[in-house]
């Protein structure tokens, strides 16, 4: 079945690419109506699907008086997590949620959104990401193949482990699952060993001792039931990953202008539209994690600053590497820091001498 599915996906992608098959939305755009195929790697039972994506699609239908209909493809229905940008770009779906951090090197400047910043609501992280996209030509260039509807740096990721971790010394030698991007280097800076693997593999890896912990955000701890194997959490920001909702260009171009406006209003910040995964929900999720028996530890300020010095050094290295390739990474980091501070937050990985 997996082989047949892969063959079907390749054939369908090729058909769209060569113009033999139009993206789904284009087929129904005549008469002022569209039908959207929306794809996400989030599992069907996840908080993201139940409180953000399905309500968002329902809101599109409501505001358009039924002229926008949709089909939701969650989990691995159309492909694995790292494939979701191409799933949309190639027209397998009209619109979808993708994670840029899962394709290292492809969207290098976009990693600025996943710098360590204490963000507790995805509505806020989307406001930051959208403003970065508006101001940064480098970011606009990276996503020129699609219509970007929103961009965000997710909710702060934390360290979740089998055994208690309270100091840098406790981190030495631990094998920690990383979502990629800056988090990989942050884990290294702590003296631990980063291990990249899909979230779906983490539970068993924790259970069997293949890894000692992971870095991820609270909603994914709950979605993948990782609270059953990771009984200790360290609350200090690791940033997270860069994600967003994008739309296939042909599907967007064939969408009636008045419906484009509705799509931008609703999807421009789906977390604000639906109230899903906002600051208030963050508090609820953390309580649920604690209620599942996870012991949560807040790093003392002095210890946290020790961790952050390592994160800041990783920012310097990352910027130097991209600048050597001709990319304006330092400018992007400074822009990000300014925008974050306008939201009353502070990027923990921002080198203080760059102010």
C-alpha atoms as a PDB file:
ATOM      1  CA  UNK A   1       0.000   0.000   0.000  1.00  0.00           C
ATOM      2  CA  UNK A   2       2.865   2.395   0.853  1.00  0.00           C
ATOM      3  CA  UNK A   3       4.438   1.749  -2.557  1.00  0.00           C
ATOM      4  CA  UNK A   4       1.142   2.379  -4.358  1.00  0.00           C
ATOM      5  CA  UNK A   5       0.617   5.565  -2.367  1.00  0.00           C
ATOM      6  CA  UNK A   6       4.115   6.807  -3.249  1.00  0.00           C
ATOM      7  CA  UNK A   7       3.593   6.044  -6.939  1.00  0.00           C
ATOM      8  CA  UNK A   8       0.209   7.815  -6.901  1.00  0.00           C
ATOM      9  CA  UNK A   9       1.764  10.865  -5.220  1.00  0.00           C
ATOM     10  CA  UNK A  10       4.597  11.047  -7.779  1.00  0.00           C
ATOM     11  CA  UNK A  11       2.217  10.707 -10.733  1.00  0.00           C
ATOM     12  CA  UNK A  12      -0.186  13.324  -9.372  1.00  0.00           C
ATOM     13  CA  UNK A  13       2.660  15.739  -8.628  1.00  0.00           C
ATOM     14  CA  UNK A  14       4.053  15.345 -12.145  1.00  0.00           C
ATOM     15  CA  UNK A  15       0.612  15.865 -13.686  1.00  0.00           C
ATOM     16  CA  UNK A  16       0.152  19.130 -11.827  1.00  0.00           C
ATOM     17  CA  UNK A  17       3.676  20.320 -12.555  1.00  0.00           C
ATOM     18  CA  UNK A  18       3.300  19.804 -16.320  1.00  0.00           C
ATOM     19  CA  UNK A  19      -0.162  21.350 -16.446  1.00  0.00           C
ATOM     20  CA  UNK A  20      -1.958  18.087 -17.199  1.00  0.00           C
ATOM     21  CA  UNK A  21      -4.039  18.441 -14.055  1.00  0.00           C
ATOM     22  CA  UNK A  22      -5.185  21.704 -12.525  1.00  0.00           C
ATOM     23  CA  UNK A  23      -4.972  22.242  -8.757  1.00  0.00           C
ATOM     24  CA  UNK A  24      -8.265  21.359  -7.021  1.00  0.00           C
ATOM     25  CA  UNK A  25      -9.355  24.930  -6.269  1.00  0.00           C
ATOM     26  CA  UNK A  26      -9.095  25.911  -9.928  1.00  0.00           C
ATOM     27  CA  UNK A  27     -11.600  23.252 -10.904  1.00  0.00           C
ATOM     28  CA  UNK A  28     -14.335  24.867  -8.833  1.00  0.00           C
ATOM     29  CA  UNK A  29     -13.439  28.551  -9.118  1.00  0.00           C
ATOM     30  CA  UNK A  30     -15.959  29.181 -11.899  1.00  0.00           C
ATOM     31  CA  UNK A  31     -19.205  30.645 -10.636  1.00  0.00           C
ATOM     32  CA  UNK A  32     -17.494  32.344  -7.733  1.00  0.00           C
ATOM     33  CA  UNK A  33     -17.044  29.238  -5.604  1.00  0.00           C
ATOM     34  CA  UNK A  34     -13.966  27.275  -4.601  1.00  0.00           C
ATOM     35  CA  UNK A  35     -13.276  23.987  -2.881  1.00  0.00           C
ATOM     36  CA  UNK A  36     -10.028  23.876  -0.913  1.00  0.00           C
ATOM     37  CA  UNK A  37      -7.978  20.813  -0.077  1.00  0.00           C
ATOM     38  CA  UNK A  38      -6.196  21.703   3.167  1.00  0.00           C
ATOM     39  CA  UNK A  39      -3.251  19.592   4.345  1.00  0.00           C
ATOM     40  CA  UNK A  40      -1.409  19.473   7.673  1.00  0.00           C
ATOM     41  CA  UNK A  41       0.974  17.061   9.316  1.00  0.00           C
ATOM     42  CA  UNK A  42      -0.830  17.444  12.663  1.00  0.00           C
ATOM     43  CA  UNK A  43      -2.659  14.292  13.727  1.00  0.00           C
ATOM     44  CA  UNK A  44      -6.468  14.254  13.272  1.00  0.00           C
ATOM     45  CA  UNK A  45      -7.100  14.127  17.043  1.00  0.00           C
ATOM     46  CA  UNK A  46      -4.614  16.889  17.867  1.00  0.00           C
ATOM     47  CA  UNK A  47      -5.486  20.219  19.452  1.00  0.00           C
ATOM     48  CA  UNK A  48      -4.236  21.932  16.294  1.00  0.00           C
ATOM     49  CA  UNK A  49      -6.760  20.154  14.075  1.00  0.00           C
ATOM     50  CA  UNK A  50      -9.666  20.345  16.508  1.00  0.00           C
ATOM     51  CA  UNK A  51      -9.242  23.922  17.739  1.00  0.00           C
ATOM     52  CA  UNK A  52      -7.484  25.656  14.830  1.00  0.00           C
ATOM     53  CA  UNK A  53      -7.648  24.020  11.398  1.00  0.00           C
ATOM     54  CA  UNK A  54     -11.186  22.672  11.336  1.00  0.00           C
ATOM     55  CA  UNK A  55     -12.639  25.825  12.972  1.00  0.00           C
ATOM     56  CA  UNK A  56     -10.625  27.932  10.510  1.00  0.00           C
ATOM     57  CA  UNK A  57     -12.071  26.063   7.532  1.00  0.00           C
ATOM     58  CA  UNK A  58     -15.555  26.338   9.048  1.00  0.00           C
ATOM     59  CA  UNK A  59     -15.055  30.090   9.421  1.00  0.00           C
ATOM     60  CA  UNK A  60     -14.054  30.393   5.756  1.00  0.00           C
ATOM     61  CA  UNK A  61     -17.280  28.666   4.814  1.00  0.00           C
ATOM     62  CA  UNK A  62     -19.326  30.870   7.143  1.00  0.00           C
ATOM     63  CA  UNK A  63     -17.869  34.212   6.057  1.00  0.00           C
ATOM     64  CA  UNK A  64     -18.172  33.308   2.381  1.00  0.00           C
ATOM     65  CA  UNK A  65     -21.820  32.242   2.776  1.00  0.00           C
ATOM     66  CA  UNK A  66     -20.933  28.743   1.673  1.00  0.00           C
ATOM     67  CA  UNK A  67     -18.861  29.756  -1.339  1.00  0.00           C
ATOM     68  CA  UNK A  68     -15.662  28.328   0.192  1.00  0.00           C
ATOM     69  CA  UNK A  69     -15.897  24.632   0.957  1.00  0.00           C
ATOM     70  CA  UNK A  70     -13.046  22.386   1.981  1.00  0.00           C
ATOM     71  CA  UNK A  71     -11.663  18.945   2.703  1.00  0.00           C
ATOM     72  CA  UNK A  72      -9.152  18.521   5.523  1.00  0.00           C
ATOM     73  CA  UNK A  73      -6.272  16.066   5.110  1.00  0.00           C
ATOM     74  CA  UNK A  74      -4.510  15.640   8.468  1.00  0.00           C
ATOM     75  CA  UNK A  75      -1.592  13.512   9.594  1.00  0.00           C
ATOM     76  CA  UNK A  76       0.135  11.623   6.795  1.00  0.00           C
ATOM     77  CA  UNK A  77      -2.866  11.531   4.460  1.00  0.00           C
ATOM     78  CA  UNK A  78      -0.986  13.273   1.641  1.00  0.00           C
ATOM     79  CA  UNK A  79       2.597  12.863   2.804  1.00  0.00           C
ATOM     80  CA  UNK A  80       4.979  13.100   5.743  1.00  0.00           C
ATOM     81  CA  UNK A  81       5.645  16.263   7.746  1.00  0.00           C
ATOM     82  CA  UNK A  82       8.722  17.540   5.854  1.00  0.00           C
ATOM     83  CA  UNK A  83       6.860  17.140   2.536  1.00  0.00           C
ATOM     84  CA  UNK A  84       4.046  19.570   3.323  1.00  0.00           C
ATOM     85  CA  UNK A  85       5.548  22.645   1.657  1.00  0.00           C
ATOM     86  CA  UNK A  86       5.931  20.723  -1.620  1.00  0.00           C
ATOM     87  CA  UNK A  87       2.499  19.150  -1.211  1.00  0.00           C
ATOM     88  CA  UNK A  88       1.076  22.667  -1.502  1.00  0.00           C
ATOM     89  CA  UNK A  89       3.610  24.034  -3.988  1.00  0.00           C
ATOM     90  CA  UNK A  90       3.010  21.137  -6.382  1.00  0.00           C
ATOM     91  CA  UNK A  91      -0.784  21.280  -6.072  1.00  0.00           C
ATOM     92  CA  UNK A  92      -1.518  18.060  -4.200  1.00  0.00           C
ATOM     93  CA  UNK A  93      -3.383  20.374  -1.845  1.00  0.00           C
ATOM     94  CA  UNK A  94      -4.516  23.958  -2.337  1.00  0.00           C
ATOM     95  CA  UNK A  95      -3.557  25.185   1.100  1.00  0.00           C
ATOM     96  CA  UNK A  96      -1.578  23.696   3.943  1.00  0.00           C
ATOM     97  CA  UNK A  97       0.514  24.032   7.073  1.00  0.00           C
ATOM     98  CA  UNK A  98       4.220  23.352   6.696  1.00  0.00           C
ATOM     99  CA  UNK A  99       7.324  23.415   8.905  1.00  0.00           C
ATOM    100  CA  UNK A 100      10.296  25.131   7.263  1.00  0.00           C
ATOM    101  CA  UNK A 101      12.735  23.953   9.941  1.00  0.00           C
ATOM    102  CA  UNK A 102      12.257  20.334   8.870  1.00  0.00           C
ATOM    103  CA  UNK A 103      13.964  20.977   5.529  1.00  0.00           C
ATOM    104  CA  UNK A 104      17.428  22.230   6.635  1.00  0.00           C
ATOM    105  CA  UNK A 105      19.093  24.759   4.338  1.00  0.00           C
ATOM    106  CA  UNK A 106      16.062  25.287   2.116  1.00  0.00           C
ATOM    107  CA  UNK A 107      14.708  28.391   3.881  1.00  0.00           C
ATOM    108  CA  UNK A 108      17.818  29.614   5.747  1.00  0.00           C
ATOM    109  CA  UNK A 109      16.711  33.124   6.732  1.00  0.00           C
ATOM    110  CA  UNK A 110      13.348  31.810   7.972  1.00  0.00           C
ATOM    111  CA  UNK A 111      15.185  30.148  10.865  1.00  0.00           C
ATOM    112  CA  UNK A 112      15.344  33.599  12.452  1.00  0.00           C
ATOM    113  CA  UNK A 113      11.740  33.065  13.577  1.00  0.00           C
ATOM    114  CA  UNK A 114      12.756  30.037  15.637  1.00  0.00           C
ATOM    115  CA  UNK A 115      15.403  31.808  17.727  1.00  0.00           C
ATOM    116  CA  UNK A 116      14.952  31.262  21.470  1.00  0.00           C
ATOM    117  CA  UNK A 117      12.145  33.638  22.460  1.00  0.00           C
ATOM    118  CA  UNK A 118       9.607  33.075  25.281  1.00  0.00           C
ATOM    119  CA  UNK A 119       6.369  33.071  23.272  1.00  0.00           C
ATOM    120  CA  UNK A 120       3.340  31.479  24.933  1.00  0.00           C
ATOM    121  CA  UNK A 121       0.723  32.028  22.218  1.00  0.00           C
ATOM    122  CA  UNK A 122       0.774  31.192  18.527  1.00  0.00           C
ATOM    123  CA  UNK A 123      -1.360  34.238  17.831  1.00  0.00           C
ATOM    124  CA  UNK A 124       1.536  36.396  19.051  1.00  0.00           C
ATOM    125  CA  UNK A 125       4.193  34.379  17.216  1.00  0.00           C
ATOM    126  CA  UNK A 126       2.139  34.804  14.024  1.00  0.00           C
ATOM    127  CA  UNK A 127       1.985  38.567  14.502  1.00  0.00           C
ATOM    128  CA  UNK A 128       5.784  38.528  14.784  1.00  0.00           C
ATOM    129  CA  UNK A 129       6.244  36.248  11.778  1.00  0.00           C
ATOM    130  CA  UNK A 130       3.872  38.205   9.570  1.00  0.00           C
ATOM    131  CA  UNK A 131       5.617  41.473  10.409  1.00  0.00           C
ATOM    132  CA  UNK A 132       8.992  39.895   9.644  1.00  0.00           C
ATOM    133  CA  UNK A 133       7.639  38.705   6.301  1.00  0.00           C
ATOM    134  CA  UNK A 134       6.310  42.166   5.518  1.00  0.00           C
ATOM    135  CA  UNK A 135       9.632  43.860   6.250  1.00  0.00           C
ATOM    136  CA  UNK A 136      12.142  41.267   5.029  1.00  0.00           C
ATOM    137  CA  UNK A 137      12.765  40.950   1.293  1.00  0.00           C
ATOM    138  CA  UNK A 138      15.009  37.962   2.047  1.00  0.00           C
ATOM    139  CA  UNK A 139      12.083  36.096   3.631  1.00  0.00           C
ATOM    140  CA  UNK A 140       9.764  37.035   0.779  1.00  0.00           C
ATOM    141  CA  UNK A 141      12.283  35.639  -1.692  1.00  0.00           C
ATOM    142  CA  UNK A 142      12.559  32.325   0.159  1.00  0.00           C
ATOM    143  CA  UNK A 143       8.812  31.695  -0.161  1.00  0.00           C
ATOM    144  CA  UNK A 144       8.275  33.130  -3.638  1.00  0.00           C
ATOM    145  CA  UNK A 145       7.010  29.771  -4.971  1.00  0.00           C
ATOM    146  CA  UNK A 146       3.786  29.969  -2.973  1.00  0.00           C
ATOM    147  CA  UNK A 147       1.284  32.454  -1.595  1.00  0.00           C
ATOM    148  CA  UNK A 148       2.169  32.891   2.071  1.00  0.00           C
ATOM    149  CA  UNK A 149      -0.924  33.470   4.196  1.00  0.00           C
ATOM    150  CA  UNK A 150       0.837  33.462   7.570  1.00  0.00           C
ATOM    151  CA  UNK A 151       4.253  32.707   9.044  1.00  0.00           C
ATOM    152  CA  UNK A 152       5.106  31.969  12.683  1.00  0.00           C
ATOM    153  CA  UNK A 153       7.736  30.724  15.080  1.00  0.00           C
ATOM    154  CA  UNK A 154       5.361  28.511  17.075  1.00  0.00           C
ATOM    155  CA  UNK A 155       5.050  28.434  20.896  1.00  0.00           C
ATOM    156  CA  UNK A 156       8.227  28.166  23.000  1.00  0.00           C
ATOM    157  CA  UNK A 157       9.676  24.681  23.085  1.00  0.00           C
ATOM    158  CA  UNK A 158      10.959  23.281  26.375  1.00  0.00           C
ATOM    159  CA  UNK A 159      13.192  20.412  27.460  1.00  0.00           C
ATOM    160  CA  UNK A 160      11.317  17.251  28.508  1.00  0.00           C
ATOM    161  CA  UNK A 161      13.311  14.383  30.033  1.00  0.00           C
ATOM    162  CA  UNK A 162      13.039  11.020  31.788  1.00  0.00           C
ATOM    163  CA  UNK A 163      15.224  12.161  34.696  1.00  0.00           C
ATOM    164  CA  UNK A 164      15.317  15.573  36.430  1.00  0.00           C
ATOM    165  CA  UNK A 165      17.463  18.267  34.797  1.00  0.00           C
ATOM    166  CA  UNK A 166      18.230  21.423  36.786  1.00  0.00           C
ATOM    167  CA  UNK A 167      21.708  22.530  35.720  1.00  0.00           C
ATOM    168  CA  UNK A 168      24.052  22.523  32.740  1.00  0.00           C
ATOM    169  CA  UNK A 169      25.935  19.675  34.382  1.00  0.00           C
ATOM    170  CA  UNK A 170      22.762  17.555  34.339  1.00  0.00           C
ATOM    171  CA  UNK A 171      22.581  17.943  30.534  1.00  0.00           C
ATOM    172  CA  UNK A 172      26.019  16.517  29.802  1.00  0.00           C
ATOM    173  CA  UNK A 173      25.894  13.419  27.629  1.00  0.00           C
ATOM    174  CA  UNK A 174      22.089  13.239  27.346  1.00  0.00           C
ATOM    175  CA  UNK A 175      20.633  12.214  23.997  1.00  0.00           C
ATOM    176  CA  UNK A 176      17.915  14.744  23.198  1.00  0.00           C
ATOM    177  CA  UNK A 177      15.486  14.675  20.282  1.00  0.00           C
ATOM    178  CA  UNK A 178      15.630  17.924  18.332  1.00  0.00           C
ATOM    179  CA  UNK A 179      13.057  19.379  15.903  1.00  0.00           C
ATOM    180  CA  UNK A 180      16.002  20.776  13.907  1.00  0.00           C
ATOM    181  CA  UNK A 181      17.177  24.313  13.256  1.00  0.00           C
ATOM    182  CA  UNK A 182      18.587  26.355  16.129  1.00  0.00           C
ATOM    183  CA  UNK A 183      17.367  23.846  18.691  1.00  0.00           C
ATOM    184  CA  UNK A 184      19.953  21.351  17.431  1.00  0.00           C
ATOM    185  CA  UNK A 185      22.764  23.781  18.234  1.00  0.00           C
ATOM    186  CA  UNK A 186      21.193  24.832  21.526  1.00  0.00           C
ATOM    187  CA  UNK A 187      21.214  21.196  22.631  1.00  0.00           C
ATOM    188  CA  UNK A 188      24.883  20.919  21.649  1.00  0.00           C
ATOM    189  CA  UNK A 189      25.682  24.083  23.616  1.00  0.00           C
ATOM    190  CA  UNK A 190      24.314  22.372  26.736  1.00  0.00           C
ATOM    191  CA  UNK A 191      26.749  19.483  26.305  1.00  0.00           C
ATOM    192  CA  UNK A 192      24.001  17.090  25.179  1.00  0.00           C
ATOM    193  CA  UNK A 193      23.749  15.128  21.922  1.00  0.00           C
ATOM    194  CA  UNK A 194      20.961  16.162  19.517  1.00  0.00           C
ATOM    195  CA  UNK A 195      19.072  13.375  17.742  1.00  0.00           C
ATOM    196  CA  UNK A 196      16.696  14.238  14.908  1.00  0.00           C
ATOM    197  CA  UNK A 197      13.663  11.993  14.532  1.00  0.00           C
ATOM    198  CA  UNK A 198       9.950  12.393  13.679  1.00  0.00           C
ATOM    199  CA  UNK A 199       7.729  13.078  16.684  1.00  0.00           C
ATOM    200  CA  UNK A 200       5.847   9.877  15.972  1.00  0.00           C
ATOM    201  CA  UNK A 201       9.007   7.890  16.817  1.00  0.00           C
ATOM    202  CA  UNK A 202       9.814   9.706  20.058  1.00  0.00           C
ATOM    203  CA  UNK A 203       7.508   7.778  22.413  1.00  0.00           C
ATOM    204  CA  UNK A 204       9.123   4.407  21.683  1.00  0.00           C
ATOM    205  CA  UNK A 205      12.609   5.916  21.644  1.00  0.00           C
ATOM    206  CA  UNK A 206      12.013   7.381  25.108  1.00  0.00           C
ATOM    207  CA  UNK A 207      10.463   4.153  26.355  1.00  0.00           C
ATOM    208  CA  UNK A 208      13.394   2.019  25.183  1.00  0.00           C
ATOM    209  CA  UNK A 209      16.090   4.467  26.280  1.00  0.00           C
ATOM    210  CA  UNK A 210      17.294   5.299  22.769  1.00  0.00           C
ATOM    211  CA  UNK A 211      16.958   8.950  23.777  1.00  0.00           C
ATOM    212  CA  UNK A 212      16.811  10.616  27.189  1.00  0.00           C
ATOM    213  CA  UNK A 213      14.516  13.492  26.319  1.00  0.00           C
ATOM    214  CA  UNK A 214      13.282  15.900  23.692  1.00  0.00           C
ATOM    215  CA  UNK A 215      12.792  19.555  22.884  1.00  0.00           C
ATOM    216  CA  UNK A 216       9.273  20.421  21.737  1.00  0.00           C
ATOM    217  CA  UNK A 217       6.330  22.682  22.535  1.00  0.00           C
ATOM    218  CA  UNK A 218       3.514  21.870  25.038  1.00  0.00           C
ATOM    219  CA  UNK A 219       0.742  21.083  22.504  1.00  0.00           C
ATOM    220  CA  UNK A 220       2.860  18.377  20.890  1.00  0.00           C
ATOM    221  CA  UNK A 221       3.683  16.821  24.252  1.00  0.00           C
ATOM    222  CA  UNK A 222      -0.066  16.322  24.671  1.00  0.00           C
ATOM    223  CA  UNK A 223      -0.825  15.370  21.061  1.00  0.00           C
ATOM    224  CA  UNK A 224       1.741  12.563  21.052  1.00  0.00           C
ATOM    225  CA  UNK A 225       1.152  11.597  24.738  1.00  0.00           C
ATOM    226  CA  UNK A 226       4.801  12.197  25.542  1.00  0.00           C
ATOM    227  CA  UNK A 227       3.840  13.063  29.115  1.00  0.00           C
ATOM    228  CA  UNK A 228       3.636   9.297  29.639  1.00  0.00           C
ATOM    229  CA  UNK A 229       7.380   8.827  29.026  1.00  0.00           C
ATOM    230  CA  UNK A 230       8.885  12.246  29.803  1.00  0.00           C
ATOM    231  CA  UNK A 231       8.059  12.950  33.435  1.00  0.00           C
ATOM    232  CA  UNK A 232      10.247  16.035  33.881  1.00  0.00           C
ATOM    233  CA  UNK A 233      10.065  19.398  32.122  1.00  0.00           C
ATOM    234  CA  UNK A 234      12.508  22.323  32.179  1.00  0.00           C
ATOM    235  CA  UNK A 235      10.772  25.614  31.506  1.00  0.00           C
ATOM    236  CA  UNK A 236      13.234  27.852  29.688  1.00  0.00           C
ATOM    237  CA  UNK A 237      12.761  28.901  26.108  1.00  0.00           C
ATOM    238  CA  UNK A 238      14.398  26.968  23.281  1.00  0.00           C
ATOM    239  CA  UNK A 239      12.425  28.902  20.692  1.00  0.00           C
ATOM    240  CA  UNK A 240      10.681  26.409  18.433  1.00  0.00           C
ATOM    241  CA  UNK A 241      10.338  25.875  14.669  1.00  0.00           C
ATOM    242  CA  UNK A 242       9.369  28.116  11.769  1.00  0.00           C
ATOM    243  CA  UNK A 243       5.972  27.223  10.316  1.00  0.00           C
ATOM    244  CA  UNK A 244       3.099  28.735   8.401  1.00  0.00           C
ATOM    245  CA  UNK A 245       0.091  28.404   6.124  1.00  0.00           C
ATOM    246  CA  UNK A 246       0.753  28.664   2.407  1.00  0.00           C
ATOM    247  CA  UNK A 247      -1.422  28.365  -0.677  1.00  0.00           C
ATOM    248  CA  UNK A 248      -0.686  26.934  -4.104  1.00  0.00           C
ATOM    249  CA  UNK A 249      -0.044  29.818  -6.504  1.00  0.00           C
ATOM    250  CA  UNK A 250      -2.375  28.594  -9.253  1.00  0.00           C
ATOM    251  CA  UNK A 251      -5.110  27.933  -6.729  1.00  0.00           C
ATOM    252  CA  UNK A 252      -4.668  31.448  -5.353  1.00  0.00           C
ATOM    253  CA  UNK A 253      -4.685  33.070  -8.785  1.00  0.00           C
ATOM    254  CA  UNK A 254      -7.931  31.316  -9.723  1.00  0.00           C
ATOM    255  CA  UNK A 255      -9.670  32.347  -6.498  1.00  0.00           C
ATOM    256  CA  UNK A 256     -12.236  35.175  -6.948  1.00  0.00           C
ATOM    257  CA  UNK A 257     -10.944  38.480  -5.560  1.00  0.00           C
ATOM    258  CA  UNK A 258     -13.656  38.828  -2.925  1.00  0.00           C
ATOM    259  CA  UNK A 259     -12.875  35.335  -1.622  1.00  0.00           C
ATOM    260  CA  UNK A 260      -9.153  36.150  -1.542  1.00  0.00           C
ATOM    261  CA  UNK A 261      -9.958  38.926   0.903  1.00  0.00           C
ATOM    262  CA  UNK A 262     -11.885  36.534   3.168  1.00  0.00           C
ATOM    263  CA  UNK A 263      -9.059  33.991   3.054  1.00  0.00           C
ATOM    264  CA  UNK A 264      -6.492  36.623   4.050  1.00  0.00           C
ATOM    265  CA  UNK A 265      -8.694  37.873   6.900  1.00  0.00           C
ATOM    266  CA  UNK A 266      -9.320  34.407   8.327  1.00  0.00           C
ATOM    267  CA  UNK A 267      -6.016  32.644   7.618  1.00  0.00           C
ATOM    268  CA  UNK A 268      -3.757  35.674   8.105  1.00  0.00           C
ATOM    269  CA  UNK A 269      -3.697  34.722  11.792  1.00  0.00           C
ATOM    270  CA  UNK A 270      -5.726  31.520  12.232  1.00  0.00           C
ATOM    271  CA  UNK A 271      -4.861  31.331  15.930  1.00  0.00           C
ATOM    272  CA  UNK A 272      -6.362  34.754  16.568  1.00  0.00           C
ATOM    273  CA  UNK A 273      -9.361  33.892  14.375  1.00  0.00           C
ATOM    274  CA  UNK A 274     -10.156  30.654  16.211  1.00  0.00           C
ATOM    275  CA  UNK A 275      -8.704  31.331  19.643  1.00  0.00           C
ATOM    276  CA  UNK A 276      -6.820  28.046  19.332  1.00  0.00           C
ATOM    277  CA  UNK A 277      -3.330  27.799  20.883  1.00  0.00           C
ATOM    278  CA  UNK A 278      -3.361  31.389  22.095  1.00  0.00           C
ATOM    279  CA  UNK A 279      -1.851  32.637  25.382  1.00  0.00           C
ATOM    280  CA  UNK A 280      -4.865  31.539  27.432  1.00  0.00           C
ATOM    281  CA  UNK A 281      -4.768  28.017  25.952  1.00  0.00           C
ATOM    282  CA  UNK A 282      -1.058  27.782  26.776  1.00  0.00           C
ATOM    283  CA  UNK A 283      -1.923  27.971  30.481  1.00  0.00           C
ATOM    284  CA  UNK A 284      -4.522  25.236  30.045  1.00  0.00           C
ATOM    285  CA  UNK A 285      -2.044  22.962  28.251  1.00  0.00           C
ATOM    286  CA  UNK A 286       0.631  23.403  30.919  1.00  0.00           C
ATOM    287  CA  UNK A 287      -1.916  22.509  33.599  1.00  0.00           C
ATOM    288  CA  UNK A 288      -2.902  19.374  31.673  1.00  0.00           C
ATOM    289  CA  UNK A 289       0.743  18.331  31.414  1.00  0.00           C
ATOM    290  CA  UNK A 290       1.223  18.801  35.163  1.00  0.00           C
ATOM    291  CA  UNK A 291      -2.015  16.939  35.866  1.00  0.00           C
ATOM    292  CA  UNK A 292      -0.532  13.989  33.945  1.00  0.00           C
ATOM    293  CA  UNK A 293       2.185  13.785  36.588  1.00  0.00           C
ATOM    294  CA  UNK A 294       4.963  15.705  34.839  1.00  0.00           C
ATOM    295  CA  UNK A 295       7.210  17.592  37.264  1.00  0.00           C
ATOM    296  CA  UNK A 296       7.851  21.047  35.804  1.00  0.00           C
ATOM    297  CA  UNK A 297      10.960  22.970  36.860  1.00  0.00           C
ATOM    298  CA  UNK A 298      11.570  26.675  36.198  1.00  0.00           C
ATOM    299  CA  UNK A 299      15.266  27.453  35.854  1.00  0.00           C
ATOM    300  CA  UNK A 300      16.505  30.096  38.305  1.00  0.00           C
ATOM    301  CA  UNK A 301      17.491  33.315  36.530  1.00  0.00           C
ATOM    302  CA  UNK A 302      21.232  32.885  37.105  1.00  0.00           C
ATOM    303  CA  UNK A 303      21.234  29.324  35.741  1.00  0.00           C
ATOM    304  CA  UNK A 304      19.026  30.343  32.834  1.00  0.00           C
ATOM    305  CA  UNK A 305      21.499  33.073  31.863  1.00  0.00           C
ATOM    306  CA  UNK A 306      24.240  30.435  31.688  1.00  0.00           C
ATOM    307  CA  UNK A 307      22.146  28.476  29.183  1.00  0.00           C
ATOM    308  CA  UNK A 308      21.318  31.620  27.192  1.00  0.00           C
ATOM    309  CA  UNK A 309      24.989  32.585  26.791  1.00  0.00           C
ATOM    310  CA  UNK A 310      25.449  29.361  24.885  1.00  0.00           C
ATOM    311  CA  UNK A 311      22.375  30.125  22.760  1.00  0.00           C
ATOM    312  CA  UNK A 312      23.762  33.589  21.945  1.00  0.00           C
ATOM    313  CA  UNK A 313      27.054  32.107  20.812  1.00  0.00           C
ATOM    314  CA  UNK A 314      25.139  29.787  18.482  1.00  0.00           C
ATOM    315  CA  UNK A 315      23.414  32.848  16.962  1.00  0.00           C
ATOM    316  CA  UNK A 316      26.809  34.418  16.268  1.00  0.00           C
ATOM    317  CA  UNK A 317      27.987  31.227  14.539  1.00  0.00           C
ATOM    318  CA  UNK A 318      24.769  30.884  12.522  1.00  0.00           C
ATOM    319  CA  UNK A 319      24.957  34.487  11.328  1.00  0.00           C
ATOM    320  CA  UNK A 320      28.640  34.178  10.404  1.00  0.00           C
ATOM    321  CA  UNK A 321      27.926  31.043   8.386  1.00  0.00           C
ATOM    322  CA  UNK A 322      25.054  32.601   6.413  1.00  0.00           C
ATOM    323  CA  UNK A 323      26.857  35.927   5.926  1.00  0.00           C
ATOM    324  CA  UNK A 324      29.763  33.971   4.384  1.00  0.00           C
ATOM    325  CA  UNK A 325      27.213  32.653   1.860  1.00  0.00           C
ATOM    326  CA  UNK A 326      26.072  36.171   1.003  1.00  0.00           C
ATOM    327  CA  UNK A 327      22.861  36.128   3.061  1.00  0.00           C
ATOM    328  CA  UNK A 328      21.890  39.099   5.240  1.00  0.00           C
ATOM    329  CA  UNK A 329      21.403  37.067   8.420  1.00  0.00           C
ATOM    330  CA  UNK A 330      22.592  39.681  10.932  1.00  0.00           C
ATOM    331  CA  UNK A 331      20.129  42.231   9.554  1.00  0.00           C
ATOM    332  CA  UNK A 332      17.347  39.634   9.884  1.00  0.00           C
ATOM    333  CA  UNK A 333      18.288  38.871  13.504  1.00  0.00           C
ATOM    334  CA  UNK A 334      18.309  42.572  14.421  1.00  0.00           C
ATOM    335  CA  UNK A 335      14.949  43.084  12.696  1.00  0.00           C
ATOM    336  CA  UNK A 336      13.511  40.089  14.533  1.00  0.00           C
ATOM    337  CA  UNK A 337      14.769  41.376  17.896  1.00  0.00           C
ATOM    338  CA  UNK A 338      13.161  44.787  17.300  1.00  0.00           C
ATOM    339  CA  UNK A 339       9.811  43.272  16.350  1.00  0.00           C
ATOM    340  CA  UNK A 340       9.891  40.879  19.333  1.00  0.00           C
ATOM    341  CA  UNK A 341      10.621  43.725  21.731  1.00  0.00           C
ATOM    342  CA  UNK A 342       7.659  45.661  20.316  1.00  0.00           C
ATOM    343  CA  UNK A 343       5.542  42.749  21.589  1.00  0.00           C
ATOM    344  CA  UNK A 344       7.001  43.110  25.082  1.00  0.00           C
ATOM    345  CA  UNK A 345       9.233  40.039  24.682  1.00  0.00           C
ATOM    346  CA  UNK A 346      12.985  39.484  24.521  1.00  0.00           C
ATOM    347  CA  UNK A 347      14.939  37.140  22.294  1.00  0.00           C
ATOM    348  CA  UNK A 348      17.138  35.139  24.669  1.00  0.00           C
ATOM    349  CA  UNK A 349      19.489  34.167  21.826  1.00  0.00           C
ATOM    350  CA  UNK A 350      20.160  37.755  20.706  1.00  0.00           C
ATOM    351  CA  UNK A 351      23.816  38.735  21.294  1.00  0.00           C
ATOM    352  CA  UNK A 352      23.683  41.783  23.614  1.00  0.00           C
ATOM    353  CA  UNK A 353      26.492  43.609  21.806  1.00  0.00           C
ATOM    354  CA  UNK A 354      24.297  43.842  18.678  1.00  0.00           C
ATOM    355  CA  UNK A 355      21.875  46.279  20.283  1.00  0.00           C
END
